[in-house]
């Protein structure tokens, strides 16, 4: 296995959202279940502005937030606002894209806390493909199909990601930032006209603003080979529903891990409370090991898969009831504990040297 600066060895973390409206309660769950890689909680039920599609809109040219609808008003003169954005971009002025508590109460609370066990802290930003397909103009035309706005959007998100990384670094020297791209699951369909080249260019624009670990999260099936060819450090995906799809790209996965890449295995389901309640940590652990064995049978070393793994829920938990969201976090932490004891002779919080036994 290639030596990398951070080998997670099945530590747990989260994708992003929680259903709570109280940021203190949400952060307390993060502290309890994810002490080594805490992730700040996005709280979409607290306010529409905390929806991940609205959360990064502050300061973007032409945006209008009205009656829970967000759009870009192209009827007004956007030139002064675009010029201001490009000035901030050229000056690398990420402070211009800062998230305040009205748009990210969970992050504001998170940044006031101490995480003494943290080996890394994690954040997230909406991805340029997903935001560009979801954010529309006043005529409901996706801004991704407007060349000028698509370019401005990627630069705006680059500044947002850079600001967030800098803020998180106050809590721990190692940062992880996921670029959330649910719309990548629609790539290749008749309804989404975006080229592979444009996808890569947009992602790389956002990545270029980051100096810490950067990842892509997609909660559906997509062309994993395309994503793994970018400069990302972490692939985060819904392993519960789509885990077997990664085995279709064994050479790409092997090459990615060999260059120091990590995979966040979203093995805990998040669809509804009943599905979460029906799970046991023992079964989810077995399911994940089955996925690893499938990749190992295609030439991806099992030791590499275990050593470079992060354990997460399949996606954000914001749509679940609060008790189910906490149960999903508890399952995530317990699956991590079982795997770390089984393969590394330790559990979360144990800094003894790894003894990889397979």
Protein backbone atom coordinates (compact mmCIF):
# COMPACT_ATOMS: atom_id res chain seq x y z
CA UNK A 1 0.00 0.00 0.00
CA UNK A 2 1.22 3.46 -0.84
CA UNK A 3 2.20 5.45 2.25
CA UNK A 4 -0.09 8.45 2.69
CA UNK A 5 -0.32 11.11 5.34
CA UNK A 6 -3.71 9.94 6.58
CA UNK A 7 -4.75 6.31 6.80
CA UNK A 8 -8.25 6.23 8.33
CA UNK A 9 -8.48 2.48 8.89
CA UNK A 10 -12.29 2.47 9.02
CA UNK A 11 -12.83 5.57 11.18
CA UNK A 12 -16.41 6.91 11.06
CA UNK A 13 -17.62 10.26 9.79
CA UNK A 14 -20.82 11.67 8.26
CA UNK A 15 -21.95 13.05 4.94
CA UNK A 16 -23.57 16.25 6.17
CA UNK A 17 -27.16 16.93 7.14
CA UNK A 18 -29.09 16.19 10.33
CA UNK A 19 -32.83 16.73 10.94
CA UNK A 20 -32.38 18.84 14.06
CA UNK A 21 -33.33 22.50 14.32
CA UNK A 22 -31.15 23.12 17.36
CA UNK A 23 -27.50 23.39 16.25
CA UNK A 24 -26.31 22.60 19.78
CA UNK A 25 -28.16 19.28 19.83
CA UNK A 26 -26.89 18.39 16.36
CA UNK A 27 -23.28 19.17 17.26
CA UNK A 28 -23.59 17.15 20.49
CA UNK A 29 -24.41 14.06 18.41
CA UNK A 30 -21.38 14.70 16.22
CA UNK A 31 -19.18 14.98 19.30
CA UNK A 32 -20.59 11.74 20.72
CA UNK A 33 -20.44 9.50 17.67
CA UNK A 34 -17.75 11.05 15.45
CA UNK A 35 -15.03 12.35 17.80
CA UNK A 36 -12.09 11.53 15.52
CA UNK A 37 -13.52 12.92 12.25
CA UNK A 38 -16.30 15.30 13.29
CA UNK A 39 -18.41 16.70 10.45
CA UNK A 40 -20.34 19.93 10.85
CA UNK A 41 -24.11 19.38 10.61
CA UNK A 42 -26.16 21.03 7.91
CA UNK A 43 -29.69 21.69 9.25
CA UNK A 44 -32.15 22.00 6.34
CA UNK A 45 -35.23 21.76 8.59
CA UNK A 46 -34.16 24.81 10.56
CA UNK A 47 -34.44 27.17 7.63
CA UNK A 48 -34.78 26.92 3.85
CA UNK A 49 -31.49 28.79 3.60
CA UNK A 50 -29.79 25.73 5.07
CA UNK A 51 -30.90 23.56 2.18
CA UNK A 52 -27.65 22.64 0.50
CA UNK A 53 -28.91 24.22 -2.72
CA UNK A 54 -29.61 27.55 -1.03
CA UNK A 55 -26.79 27.46 1.50
CA UNK A 56 -24.07 28.67 -0.85
CA UNK A 57 -26.15 31.19 -2.75
CA UNK A 58 -25.30 34.26 -0.66
CA UNK A 59 -23.20 36.59 -2.76
CA UNK A 60 -23.74 34.81 -6.08
CA UNK A 61 -24.66 37.25 -8.86
CA UNK A 62 -28.35 37.75 -9.45
CA UNK A 63 -29.66 35.37 -6.79
CA UNK A 64 -33.17 35.92 -5.47
CA UNK A 65 -34.53 34.01 -2.48
CA UNK A 66 -38.30 34.41 -2.36
CA UNK A 67 -40.97 32.22 -0.74
CA UNK A 68 -38.67 29.22 -0.48
CA UNK A 69 -37.63 29.54 -4.11
CA UNK A 70 -34.10 30.37 -5.16
CA UNK A 71 -33.32 31.59 -8.66
CA UNK A 72 -31.00 33.86 -10.64
CA UNK A 73 -32.64 36.94 -12.09
CA UNK A 74 -30.95 37.30 -15.48
CA UNK A 75 -33.29 40.15 -16.37
CA UNK A 76 -31.25 42.54 -14.27
CA UNK A 77 -27.78 43.79 -15.10
CA UNK A 78 -25.42 41.16 -13.67
CA UNK A 79 -22.20 42.72 -14.97
CA UNK A 80 -21.29 44.64 -11.76
CA UNK A 81 -21.93 41.57 -9.59
CA UNK A 82 -19.97 39.31 -11.92
CA UNK A 83 -17.09 41.74 -11.96
CA UNK A 84 -17.09 41.81 -8.17
CA UNK A 85 -17.04 38.00 -8.03
CA UNK A 86 -14.15 37.77 -10.46
CA UNK A 87 -12.22 40.36 -8.49
CA UNK A 88 -12.62 38.27 -5.33
CA UNK A 89 -11.60 35.19 -7.32
CA UNK A 90 -8.47 36.77 -8.79
CA UNK A 91 -7.46 38.04 -5.36
CA UNK A 92 -8.25 34.65 -3.75
CA UNK A 93 -10.47 36.54 -1.34
CA UNK A 94 -12.37 33.60 0.16
CA UNK A 95 -13.70 35.78 2.97
CA UNK A 96 -16.12 37.20 0.41
CA UNK A 97 -17.80 33.78 0.30
CA UNK A 98 -18.04 33.23 4.07
CA UNK A 99 -21.06 31.34 5.39
CA UNK A 100 -22.83 33.15 8.21
CA UNK A 101 -25.09 31.66 10.88
CA UNK A 102 -28.27 32.49 8.96
CA UNK A 103 -27.21 30.07 6.22
CA UNK A 104 -25.23 27.58 8.33
CA UNK A 105 -26.16 27.60 12.01
CA UNK A 106 -24.67 24.14 12.43
CA UNK A 107 -21.32 25.29 11.14
CA UNK A 108 -21.37 28.42 13.28
CA UNK A 109 -21.92 26.31 16.40
CA UNK A 110 -19.41 23.68 15.30
CA UNK A 111 -16.66 26.28 14.96
CA UNK A 112 -17.04 27.27 18.64
CA UNK A 113 -16.38 23.74 19.94
CA UNK A 114 -13.31 21.74 20.86
CA UNK A 115 -12.63 18.32 19.39
CA UNK A 116 -9.65 17.02 21.38
CA UNK A 117 -9.67 13.59 19.69
CA UNK A 118 -9.99 14.90 16.14
CA UNK A 119 -7.59 13.52 13.59
CA UNK A 120 -9.40 15.54 10.92
CA UNK A 121 -12.48 17.75 10.64
CA UNK A 122 -14.91 17.47 7.76
CA UNK A 123 -17.12 19.86 5.85
CA UNK A 124 -19.08 19.90 2.62
CA UNK A 125 -20.08 22.17 -0.21
CA UNK A 126 -22.61 21.69 -2.99
CA UNK A 127 -20.96 20.52 -6.19
CA UNK A 128 -20.91 22.67 -9.32
CA UNK A 129 -22.69 20.13 -11.52
CA UNK A 130 -25.54 19.58 -9.07
CA UNK A 131 -25.87 23.27 -8.21
CA UNK A 132 -25.68 24.27 -11.84
CA UNK A 133 -28.48 21.85 -12.77
CA UNK A 134 -30.69 22.79 -9.80
CA UNK A 135 -30.24 26.56 -9.65
CA UNK A 136 -32.25 28.13 -12.47
CA UNK A 137 -32.92 31.57 -13.85
CA UNK A 138 -36.28 33.29 -13.66
CA UNK A 139 -37.46 31.21 -16.64
CA UNK A 140 -36.43 27.96 -14.90
CA UNK A 141 -33.48 27.34 -17.20
CA UNK A 142 -30.58 25.69 -15.38
CA UNK A 143 -27.61 28.03 -15.06
CA UNK A 144 -25.25 25.21 -16.01
CA UNK A 145 -26.38 25.81 -19.61
CA UNK A 146 -25.36 29.48 -19.47
CA UNK A 147 -21.62 29.55 -20.17
CA UNK A 148 -20.93 32.76 -18.24
CA UNK A 149 -22.99 31.79 -15.20
CA UNK A 150 -21.59 28.24 -15.14
CA UNK A 151 -18.05 29.60 -15.03
CA UNK A 152 -18.96 32.13 -12.36
CA UNK A 153 -20.71 29.43 -10.34
CA UNK A 154 -17.64 27.19 -10.23
CA UNK A 155 -15.45 30.10 -9.13
CA UNK A 156 -17.98 31.10 -6.46
CA UNK A 157 -18.01 27.55 -5.07
CA UNK A 158 -14.23 27.46 -5.16
CA UNK A 159 -14.14 30.54 -2.91
CA UNK A 160 -16.82 29.04 -0.63
CA UNK A 161 -14.89 25.79 -0.28
CA UNK A 162 -11.63 27.64 0.38
CA UNK A 163 -13.24 29.79 3.07
CA UNK A 164 -14.75 26.76 4.77
CA UNK A 165 -11.48 24.85 4.72
CA UNK A 166 -9.68 27.77 6.32
CA UNK A 167 -12.37 28.05 9.01
CA UNK A 168 -12.24 24.33 9.79
CA UNK A 169 -8.47 24.37 10.05
CA UNK A 170 -8.83 26.34 13.27
CA UNK A 171 -10.18 23.16 14.85
CA UNK A 172 -7.65 20.65 13.48
CA UNK A 173 -4.72 20.85 11.08
CA UNK A 174 -6.14 18.20 8.73
CA UNK A 175 -9.32 19.02 6.85
CA UNK A 176 -11.66 17.01 4.64
CA UNK A 177 -14.10 18.72 2.32
CA UNK A 178 -16.68 16.77 0.32
CA UNK A 179 -18.10 18.24 -2.87
CA UNK A 180 -21.67 16.91 -2.86
CA UNK A 181 -22.78 15.86 -6.33
CA UNK A 182 -26.11 13.96 -6.25
CA UNK A 183 -26.85 14.98 -9.84
CA UNK A 184 -23.93 12.93 -11.12
CA UNK A 185 -26.34 9.99 -10.89
CA UNK A 186 -28.22 11.56 -13.84
CA UNK A 187 -25.19 11.96 -16.07
CA UNK A 188 -25.71 10.17 -19.38
CA UNK A 189 -29.49 10.42 -19.27
CA UNK A 190 -31.48 12.12 -22.00
CA UNK A 191 -32.46 14.89 -19.57
CA UNK A 192 -28.94 16.06 -18.68
CA UNK A 193 -26.75 17.48 -21.43
CA UNK A 194 -23.30 17.86 -19.89
CA UNK A 195 -20.06 16.44 -21.21
CA UNK A 196 -17.44 14.48 -19.34
CA UNK A 197 -14.97 17.26 -20.05
CA UNK A 198 -17.25 19.88 -18.51
CA UNK A 199 -17.84 17.75 -15.40
CA UNK A 200 -14.11 17.33 -14.83
CA UNK A 201 -13.37 21.00 -15.49
CA UNK A 202 -16.04 22.17 -13.04
CA UNK A 203 -14.91 19.79 -10.29
CA UNK A 204 -11.26 20.68 -10.77
CA UNK A 205 -12.08 24.39 -10.50
CA UNK A 206 -13.53 23.82 -7.03
CA UNK A 207 -10.75 21.42 -6.03
CA UNK A 208 -8.13 24.00 -6.96
CA UNK A 209 -9.19 26.18 -4.03
CA UNK A 210 -8.40 23.44 -1.51
CA UNK A 211 -5.14 22.37 0.06
CA UNK A 212 -6.52 19.68 2.39
CA UNK A 213 -8.19 16.38 1.52
CA UNK A 214 -10.97 16.80 -1.03
CA UNK A 215 -13.68 14.36 -1.94
CA UNK A 216 -16.77 13.85 -4.06
CA UNK A 217 -19.97 12.42 -2.61
CA UNK A 218 -22.62 10.95 -4.90
CA UNK A 219 -25.59 9.12 -3.39
CA UNK A 220 -26.57 7.38 -6.64
CA UNK A 221 -24.94 5.27 -9.30
CA UNK A 222 -22.66 7.08 -11.73
CA UNK A 223 -19.55 6.65 -13.84
CA UNK A 224 -17.09 6.03 -11.00
CA UNK A 225 -14.23 5.73 -13.47
CA UNK A 226 -14.78 9.34 -14.53
CA UNK A 227 -14.79 10.59 -10.93
CA UNK A 228 -11.70 8.58 -9.97
CA UNK A 229 -9.76 10.18 -12.82
CA UNK A 230 -10.05 13.63 -11.23
CA UNK A 231 -7.65 14.90 -8.58
CA UNK A 232 -9.95 13.98 -5.68
CA UNK A 233 -8.54 12.27 -2.57
CA UNK A 234 -11.76 10.65 -1.31
CA UNK A 235 -14.63 8.96 -3.12
CA UNK A 236 -17.79 8.96 -0.99
CA UNK A 237 -20.78 6.93 -2.14
CA UNK A 238 -23.92 5.02 -1.14
CA UNK A 239 -22.42 1.59 -0.60
CA UNK A 240 -25.64 0.24 0.93
CA UNK A 241 -27.59 0.55 -2.34
CA UNK A 242 -24.84 0.79 -4.95
CA UNK A 243 -21.81 -0.89 -3.41
CA UNK A 244 -21.52 -3.52 -6.12
CA UNK A 245 -21.27 -0.89 -8.85
CA UNK A 246 -17.77 0.06 -7.74
CA UNK A 247 -16.61 -3.46 -8.60
CA UNK A 248 -17.26 -2.62 -12.26
CA UNK A 249 -14.15 -0.40 -12.12
CA UNK A 250 -11.51 -2.56 -10.41
CA UNK A 251 -8.53 -1.14 -12.28
CA UNK A 252 -9.58 2.45 -11.61
CA UNK A 253 -10.19 1.68 -7.92
CA UNK A 254 -6.84 -0.07 -7.55
CA UNK A 255 -5.00 2.81 -9.23
CA UNK A 256 -6.88 5.34 -7.08
CA UNK A 257 -5.96 3.58 -3.84
CA UNK A 258 -2.36 3.12 -4.94
CA UNK A 259 -1.98 6.85 -5.48
CA UNK A 260 -3.19 7.48 -1.94
CA UNK A 261 -6.94 7.70 -2.48
CA UNK A 262 -9.52 6.88 0.19
CA UNK A 263 -13.08 5.56 -0.08
CA UNK A 264 -15.93 6.57 2.24
CA UNK A 265 -18.26 3.58 2.29
CA UNK A 266 -21.82 4.73 2.97
CA UNK A 267 -22.97 1.40 4.35
CA UNK A 268 -25.70 2.65 6.74
CA UNK A 269 -29.04 3.25 4.96
CA UNK A 270 -30.81 6.58 5.25
CA UNK A 271 -33.98 6.19 3.15
CA UNK A 272 -36.46 6.05 6.04
CA UNK A 273 -36.69 5.30 9.75
CA UNK A 274 -38.01 1.76 9.25
CA UNK A 275 -35.02 0.83 7.12
CA UNK A 276 -32.59 2.23 9.67
CA UNK A 277 -34.35 0.48 12.56
CA UNK A 278 -34.22 -2.86 10.75
CA UNK A 279 -30.41 -2.85 10.57
CA UNK A 280 -27.82 -4.35 12.88
CA UNK A 281 -24.16 -3.37 12.99
CA UNK A 282 -23.20 -7.03 12.57
CA UNK A 283 -25.12 -7.36 9.30
CA UNK A 284 -23.87 -4.07 7.89
CA UNK A 285 -20.30 -5.07 8.75
CA UNK A 286 -20.76 -8.38 6.96
CA UNK A 287 -22.31 -6.61 3.96
CA UNK A 288 -19.34 -4.27 3.69
CA UNK A 289 -16.83 -7.09 3.94
CA UNK A 290 -18.71 -8.88 1.15
CA UNK A 291 -18.27 -5.80 -1.05
CA UNK A 292 -14.57 -5.72 -0.24
CA UNK A 293 -14.17 -9.39 -1.06
CA UNK A 294 -15.88 -8.79 -4.40
CA UNK A 295 -13.31 -6.12 -5.27
CA UNK A 296 -10.47 -8.24 -3.92
CA UNK A 297 -11.52 -11.04 -6.26
CA UNK A 298 -10.96 -8.58 -9.12
CA UNK A 299 -7.45 -7.66 -8.04
CA UNK A 300 -7.94 -4.83 -5.52
CA UNK A 301 -6.01 -5.87 -2.37
CA UNK A 302 -8.32 -6.40 0.59
CA UNK A 303 -5.78 -4.77 2.91
CA UNK A 304 -5.83 -1.63 0.80
CA UNK A 305 -9.62 -1.50 0.90
CA UNK A 306 -9.76 -1.82 4.69
CA UNK A 307 -6.88 0.53 5.41
CA UNK A 308 -8.14 3.34 3.21
CA UNK A 309 -11.79 3.05 4.26
CA UNK A 310 -13.95 5.61 6.00
CA UNK A 311 -17.33 4.43 7.34
CA UNK A 312 -20.34 6.72 6.80
CA UNK A 313 -24.09 6.76 6.36
CA UNK A 314 -25.16 6.37 2.74
CA UNK A 315 -26.07 10.07 2.50
CA UNK A 316 -27.15 12.96 4.68
CA UNK A 317 -29.55 12.22 7.53
CA UNK A 318 -31.66 15.37 7.23
CA UNK A 319 -34.79 13.59 5.97
CA UNK A 320 -34.99 11.15 8.90
CA UNK A 321 -36.74 11.69 12.24
CA UNK A 322 -34.27 12.71 14.94
CA UNK A 323 -34.23 9.32 16.74
CA UNK A 324 -33.56 7.48 13.46
CA UNK A 325 -30.80 9.92 12.55
CA UNK A 326 -29.12 9.25 15.90
CA UNK A 327 -29.51 5.51 15.37
CA UNK A 328 -27.85 5.82 11.95
CA UNK A 329 -24.90 7.61 13.55
CA UNK A 330 -24.72 4.96 16.27
CA UNK A 331 -24.70 2.20 13.62
CA UNK A 332 -21.97 4.03 11.71
CA UNK A 333 -19.81 4.24 14.84
CA UNK A 334 -20.45 0.60 15.75
CA UNK A 335 -19.62 -0.73 12.27
CA UNK A 336 -16.40 1.28 12.48
CA UNK A 337 -15.59 -0.16 15.91
CA UNK A 338 -16.13 -3.73 14.74
CA UNK A 339 -13.99 -3.33 11.65
CA UNK A 340 -11.17 -1.57 13.51
CA UNK A 341 -11.07 -4.29 16.14
CA UNK A 342 -11.20 -7.04 13.55
CA UNK A 343 -8.54 -5.77 11.16
CA UNK A 344 -6.41 -3.37 13.15
CA UNK A 345 -6.68 -4.67 16.69
CA UNK A 346 -8.17 -1.40 17.95
CA UNK A 347 -11.29 0.75 18.00
CA UNK A 348 -11.92 4.46 17.52
CA UNK A 349 -9.86 6.49 19.97
CA UNK A 350 -7.11 3.85 20.21
CA UNK A 351 -3.78 5.10 18.88
CA UNK A 352 -1.89 1.82 19.12
CA UNK A 353 0.06 0.90 15.97
CA UNK A 354 -2.05 -0.84 13.36
CA UNK A 355 -1.69 -4.58 13.04
CA UNK A 356 -3.32 -5.37 9.73
CA UNK A 357 -4.45 -8.97 9.93
CA UNK A 358 -6.55 -10.45 7.16
